[in-house]
Amino acid sequence: HGPRLRRRLDRGEIEPTAILDLHGLDREQAAGRLDTFIAQRSAAEVVLVIHGKGTGILARTVHQVLDASRRVAEHLPAPARLGGDGARVVRIRSRGR
């Protein structure tokens, strides 16, 4: 799915249905908000998580949470128009999987 999702995003065929901006939060706050955000999403939903570039602490935290979540089908860097390296696009998996 990764290359397919990337192509569809790059072409503007799909847009995130929800956005979570984690700017200004520490690691623990960001992880908690991201867990809650993911839990509230619907299956197959594509969302945007903005962590910024900064020192990379939030980016690493976001990657860890997304990698560990059973609800995340895939995540990849956002296209430049959606934040590039300062954000991740996430496709949500159904709860049953």
N, C-alpha and C. Protein backbone atom coordinates (compact mmCIF):
# COMPACT_ATOMS: atom_id res chain seq x y z
N HIS A 1 0.80 -1.20 0.00
CA HIS A 1 0.00 0.00 0.00
C HIS A 1 0.84 1.27 0.00
N GLY A 2 2.03 1.25 0.61
CA GLY A 2 2.85 2.44 0.75
C GLY A 2 3.03 3.23 -0.53
N PRO A 3 3.55 2.61 -1.60
CA PRO A 3 3.72 3.37 -2.85
C PRO A 3 2.39 3.86 -3.42
N ARG A 4 1.35 3.07 -3.27
CA ARG A 4 0.03 3.47 -3.79
C ARG A 4 -0.49 4.68 -3.02
N LEU A 5 -0.38 4.65 -1.70
CA LEU A 5 -0.82 5.77 -0.88
C LEU A 5 -0.02 7.02 -1.24
N ARG A 6 1.28 6.86 -1.40
CA ARG A 6 2.15 7.99 -1.76
C ARG A 6 1.71 8.61 -3.08
N ARG A 7 1.46 7.77 -4.09
CA ARG A 7 1.03 8.29 -5.40
C ARG A 7 -0.29 9.05 -5.29
N ARG A 8 -1.23 8.47 -4.57
CA ARG A 8 -2.54 9.12 -4.43
C ARG A 8 -2.44 10.45 -3.69
N LEU A 9 -1.57 10.51 -2.68
CA LEU A 9 -1.34 11.77 -1.97
C LEU A 9 -0.68 12.80 -2.88
N ASP A 10 0.35 12.36 -3.60
CA ASP A 10 1.08 13.27 -4.48
C ASP A 10 0.19 13.84 -5.58
N ARG A 11 -0.74 13.04 -6.05
CA ARG A 11 -1.68 13.49 -7.10
C ARG A 11 -2.82 14.33 -6.54
N GLY A 12 -2.96 14.37 -5.22
CA GLY A 12 -4.06 15.11 -4.60
C GLY A 12 -5.37 14.36 -4.66
N GLU A 13 -5.31 13.04 -4.91
CA GLU A 13 -6.53 12.23 -5.01
C GLU A 13 -7.15 11.99 -3.64
N ILE A 14 -6.33 11.97 -2.61
CA ILE A 14 -6.86 11.83 -1.25
C ILE A 14 -6.24 12.91 -0.37
N GLU A 15 -7.01 13.32 0.60
CA GLU A 15 -6.58 14.32 1.57
C GLU A 15 -6.83 13.77 2.97
N PRO A 16 -6.01 14.15 3.92
CA PRO A 16 -6.25 13.70 5.30
C PRO A 16 -7.63 14.17 5.78
N THR A 17 -8.31 13.29 6.51
CA THR A 17 -9.63 13.64 7.03
C THR A 17 -9.55 14.29 8.40
N ALA A 18 -8.38 14.20 9.05
CA ALA A 18 -8.19 14.82 10.36
C ALA A 18 -6.71 15.16 10.50
N ILE A 19 -6.44 16.19 11.31
CA ILE A 19 -5.07 16.65 11.52
C ILE A 19 -4.82 16.78 13.01
N LEU A 20 -3.66 16.28 13.45
CA LEU A 20 -3.22 16.44 14.83
C LEU A 20 -1.90 17.20 14.80
N ASP A 21 -1.86 18.36 15.46
CA ASP A 21 -0.64 19.18 15.52
C ASP A 21 -0.04 19.04 16.92
N LEU A 22 1.16 18.52 16.99
CA LEU A 22 1.82 18.25 18.27
C LEU A 22 2.86 19.30 18.65
N HIS A 23 2.94 20.38 17.90
CA HIS A 23 3.90 21.45 18.22
C HIS A 23 3.73 21.91 19.67
N GLY A 24 4.84 22.10 20.34
CA GLY A 24 4.83 22.66 21.69
C GLY A 24 4.62 21.65 22.81
N LEU A 25 4.41 20.38 22.47
CA LEU A 25 4.20 19.36 23.48
C LEU A 25 5.51 18.65 23.80
N ASP A 26 5.62 18.10 25.01
CA ASP A 26 6.79 17.26 25.30
C ASP A 26 6.48 15.84 24.85
N ARG A 27 7.47 14.95 24.97
CA ARG A 27 7.31 13.58 24.47
C ARG A 27 6.09 12.87 25.06
N GLU A 28 5.94 12.96 26.38
CA GLU A 28 4.83 12.25 27.04
C GLU A 28 3.48 12.80 26.61
N GLN A 29 3.37 14.12 26.55
CA GLN A 29 2.11 14.73 26.11
C GLN A 29 1.79 14.34 24.67
N ALA A 30 2.81 14.40 23.81
CA ALA A 30 2.61 14.07 22.39
C ALA A 30 2.18 12.61 22.23
N ALA A 31 2.85 11.71 22.95
CA ALA A 31 2.51 10.28 22.85
C ALA A 31 1.07 10.05 23.31
N GLY A 32 0.67 10.67 24.38
CA GLY A 32 -0.70 10.51 24.89
C GLY A 32 -1.74 11.04 23.93
N ARG A 33 -1.50 12.23 23.40
CA ARG A 33 -2.45 12.82 22.45
C ARG A 33 -2.53 11.98 21.18
N LEU A 34 -1.39 11.48 20.71
CA LEU A 34 -1.38 10.67 19.49
C LEU A 34 -2.11 9.35 19.70
N ASP A 35 -1.90 8.70 20.84
CA ASP A 35 -2.63 7.45 21.14
C ASP A 35 -4.14 7.69 21.13
N THR A 36 -4.58 8.77 21.77
CA THR A 36 -6.00 9.09 21.83
C THR A 36 -6.55 9.39 20.44
N PHE A 37 -5.80 10.17 19.68
CA PHE A 37 -6.19 10.55 18.32
C PHE A 37 -6.38 9.31 17.45
N ILE A 38 -5.43 8.40 17.50
CA ILE A 38 -5.52 7.16 16.71
C ILE A 38 -6.72 6.32 17.14
N ALA A 39 -6.94 6.22 18.43
CA ALA A 39 -8.05 5.41 18.95
C ALA A 39 -9.41 5.94 18.48
N GLN A 40 -9.50 7.23 18.22
CA GLN A 40 -10.76 7.85 17.83
C GLN A 40 -11.02 7.81 16.32
N ARG A 41 -10.09 7.34 15.55
CA ARG A 41 -10.22 7.35 14.10
C ARG A 41 -10.98 6.13 13.59
N SER A 42 -11.51 6.26 12.38
CA SER A 42 -12.24 5.18 11.71
C SER A 42 -11.30 4.36 10.85
N ALA A 43 -11.69 3.13 10.56
CA ALA A 43 -10.90 2.25 9.71
C ALA A 43 -10.72 2.86 8.33
N ALA A 44 -9.54 2.69 7.78
CA ALA A 44 -9.14 3.16 6.45
C ALA A 44 -9.05 4.67 6.35
N GLU A 45 -9.24 5.37 7.44
CA GLU A 45 -9.11 6.82 7.44
C GLU A 45 -7.64 7.19 7.25
N VAL A 46 -7.40 8.25 6.52
CA VAL A 46 -6.04 8.77 6.32
C VAL A 46 -5.96 10.10 7.06
N VAL A 47 -4.99 10.21 7.96
CA VAL A 47 -4.87 11.39 8.80
C VAL A 47 -3.45 11.96 8.71
N LEU A 48 -3.30 13.19 9.17
CA LEU A 48 -2.01 13.86 9.17
C LEU A 48 -1.61 14.16 10.60
N VAL A 49 -0.37 13.80 10.95
CA VAL A 49 0.18 14.10 12.27
C VAL A 49 1.36 15.03 12.07
N ILE A 50 1.25 16.25 12.60
CA ILE A 50 2.31 17.25 12.45
C ILE A 50 3.16 17.24 13.72
N HIS A 51 4.46 16.98 13.54
CA HIS A 51 5.37 16.97 14.69
C HIS A 51 6.44 18.04 14.57
N GLY A 52 6.58 18.63 13.41
CA GLY A 52 7.60 19.65 13.19
C GLY A 52 8.97 19.02 12.97
N LYS A 53 9.95 19.85 12.70
CA LYS A 53 11.29 19.35 12.44
C LYS A 53 12.16 19.49 13.68
N GLY A 54 12.33 20.67 14.19
CA GLY A 54 13.04 20.90 15.44
C GLY A 54 14.25 20.01 15.67
N THR A 55 14.34 19.47 16.88
CA THR A 55 15.48 18.61 17.26
C THR A 55 15.25 17.15 16.88
N GLY A 56 14.05 16.81 16.48
CA GLY A 56 13.74 15.44 16.09
C GLY A 56 13.15 14.60 17.21
N ILE A 57 13.05 15.18 18.41
CA ILE A 57 12.52 14.42 19.55
C ILE A 57 11.07 14.02 19.30
N LEU A 58 10.23 14.97 18.88
CA LEU A 58 8.83 14.65 18.63
C LEU A 58 8.70 13.70 17.44
N ALA A 59 9.51 13.89 16.42
CA ALA A 59 9.45 13.00 15.26
C ALA A 59 9.74 11.56 15.68
N ARG A 60 10.76 11.37 16.49
CA ARG A 60 11.09 10.01 16.96
C ARG A 60 9.95 9.45 17.81
N THR A 61 9.38 10.27 18.66
CA THR A 61 8.26 9.83 19.50
C THR A 61 7.08 9.41 18.63
N VAL A 62 6.75 10.22 17.63
CA VAL A 62 5.64 9.91 16.72
C VAL A 62 5.91 8.58 16.00
N HIS A 63 7.11 8.40 15.49
CA HIS A 63 7.46 7.15 14.81
C HIS A 63 7.28 5.95 15.74
N GLN A 64 7.75 6.08 16.97
CA GLN A 64 7.64 4.98 17.94
C GLN A 64 6.19 4.63 18.23
N VAL A 65 5.37 5.65 18.46
CA VAL A 65 3.95 5.41 18.77
C VAL A 65 3.26 4.78 17.56
N LEU A 66 3.51 5.30 16.37
CA LEU A 66 2.86 4.77 15.17
C LEU A 66 3.31 3.34 14.89
N ASP A 67 4.60 3.07 15.05
CA ASP A 67 5.11 1.71 14.83
C ASP A 67 4.52 0.71 15.82
N ALA A 68 4.25 1.15 17.04
CA ALA A 68 3.75 0.26 18.09
C ALA A 68 2.23 0.07 18.05
N SER A 69 1.53 0.96 17.37
CA SER A 69 0.06 0.92 17.37
C SER A 69 -0.47 -0.15 16.42
N ARG A 70 -1.35 -0.99 16.93
CA ARG A 70 -1.99 -2.00 16.10
C ARG A 70 -3.03 -1.38 15.17
N ARG A 71 -3.45 -0.15 15.44
CA ARG A 71 -4.45 0.53 14.61
C ARG A 71 -3.83 1.19 13.38
N VAL A 72 -2.50 1.28 13.33
CA VAL A 72 -1.85 1.95 12.21
C VAL A 72 -1.50 0.92 11.13
N ALA A 73 -2.12 1.07 9.96
CA ALA A 73 -1.83 0.17 8.84
C ALA A 73 -0.50 0.56 8.20
N GLU A 74 -0.27 1.87 8.08
CA GLU A 74 0.99 2.36 7.51
C GLU A 74 1.13 3.84 7.82
N HIS A 75 2.38 4.30 7.81
CA HIS A 75 2.63 5.73 7.94
C HIS A 75 3.86 6.08 7.12
N LEU A 76 3.83 7.28 6.56
CA LEU A 76 4.92 7.71 5.71
C LEU A 76 5.08 9.22 5.81
N PRO A 77 6.25 9.74 5.40
CA PRO A 77 6.42 11.19 5.44
C PRO A 77 5.37 11.88 4.58
N ALA A 78 4.92 13.01 5.07
CA ALA A 78 3.90 13.76 4.33
C ALA A 78 4.51 14.37 3.07
N PRO A 79 3.70 14.54 2.02
CA PRO A 79 4.19 15.28 0.86
C PRO A 79 4.53 16.71 1.28
N ALA A 80 5.37 17.38 0.52
CA ALA A 80 5.80 18.74 0.87
C ALA A 80 4.63 19.67 1.15
N ARG A 81 3.56 19.55 0.37
CA ARG A 81 2.41 20.46 0.54
C ARG A 81 1.68 20.25 1.86
N LEU A 82 1.93 19.10 2.53
CA LEU A 82 1.30 18.81 3.81
C LEU A 82 2.29 18.84 4.98
N GLY A 83 3.50 19.32 4.73
CA GLY A 83 4.46 19.45 5.82
C GLY A 83 5.76 18.69 5.63
N GLY A 84 5.85 17.89 4.60
CA GLY A 84 7.10 17.17 4.32
C GLY A 84 7.63 16.41 5.51
N ASP A 85 8.92 16.59 5.79
CA ASP A 85 9.57 15.85 6.87
C ASP A 85 9.08 16.24 8.26
N GLY A 86 8.28 17.28 8.35
CA GLY A 86 7.75 17.71 9.65
C GLY A 86 6.41 17.09 9.99
N ALA A 87 5.97 16.11 9.18
CA ALA A 87 4.66 15.50 9.41
C ALA A 87 4.63 14.08 8.85
N ARG A 88 3.68 13.30 9.33
CA ARG A 88 3.47 11.93 8.85
C ARG A 88 2.03 11.79 8.39
N VAL A 89 1.84 11.07 7.30
CA VAL A 89 0.52 10.66 6.86
C VAL A 89 0.31 9.24 7.39
N VAL A 90 -0.86 9.01 7.97
CA VAL A 90 -1.13 7.73 8.65
C VAL A 90 -2.44 7.17 8.10
N ARG A 91 -2.39 5.87 7.71
CA ARG A 91 -3.62 5.17 7.33
C ARG A 91 -4.00 4.26 8.48
N ILE A 92 -5.23 4.39 8.92
CA ILE A 92 -5.73 3.66 10.09
C ILE A 92 -6.26 2.29 9.66
N ARG A 93 -5.98 1.30 10.48
CA ARG A 93 -6.46 -0.08 10.27
C ARG A 93 -7.74 -0.27 11.08
N SER A 94 -8.57 -1.20 10.68
CA SER A 94 -9.79 -1.49 11.44
C SER A 94 -9.45 -2.05 12.81
N ARG A 95 -10.34 -1.90 13.75
CA ARG A 95 -10.12 -2.35 15.13
C ARG A 95 -9.96 -3.86 15.24
N GLY A 96 -10.60 -4.60 14.35
CA GLY A 96 -10.59 -6.05 14.43
C GLY A 96 -9.29 -6.72 14.05
N ARG A 97 -8.37 -6.00 13.48
CA ARG A 97 -7.14 -6.61 12.98
C ARG A 97 -6.03 -6.59 13.97
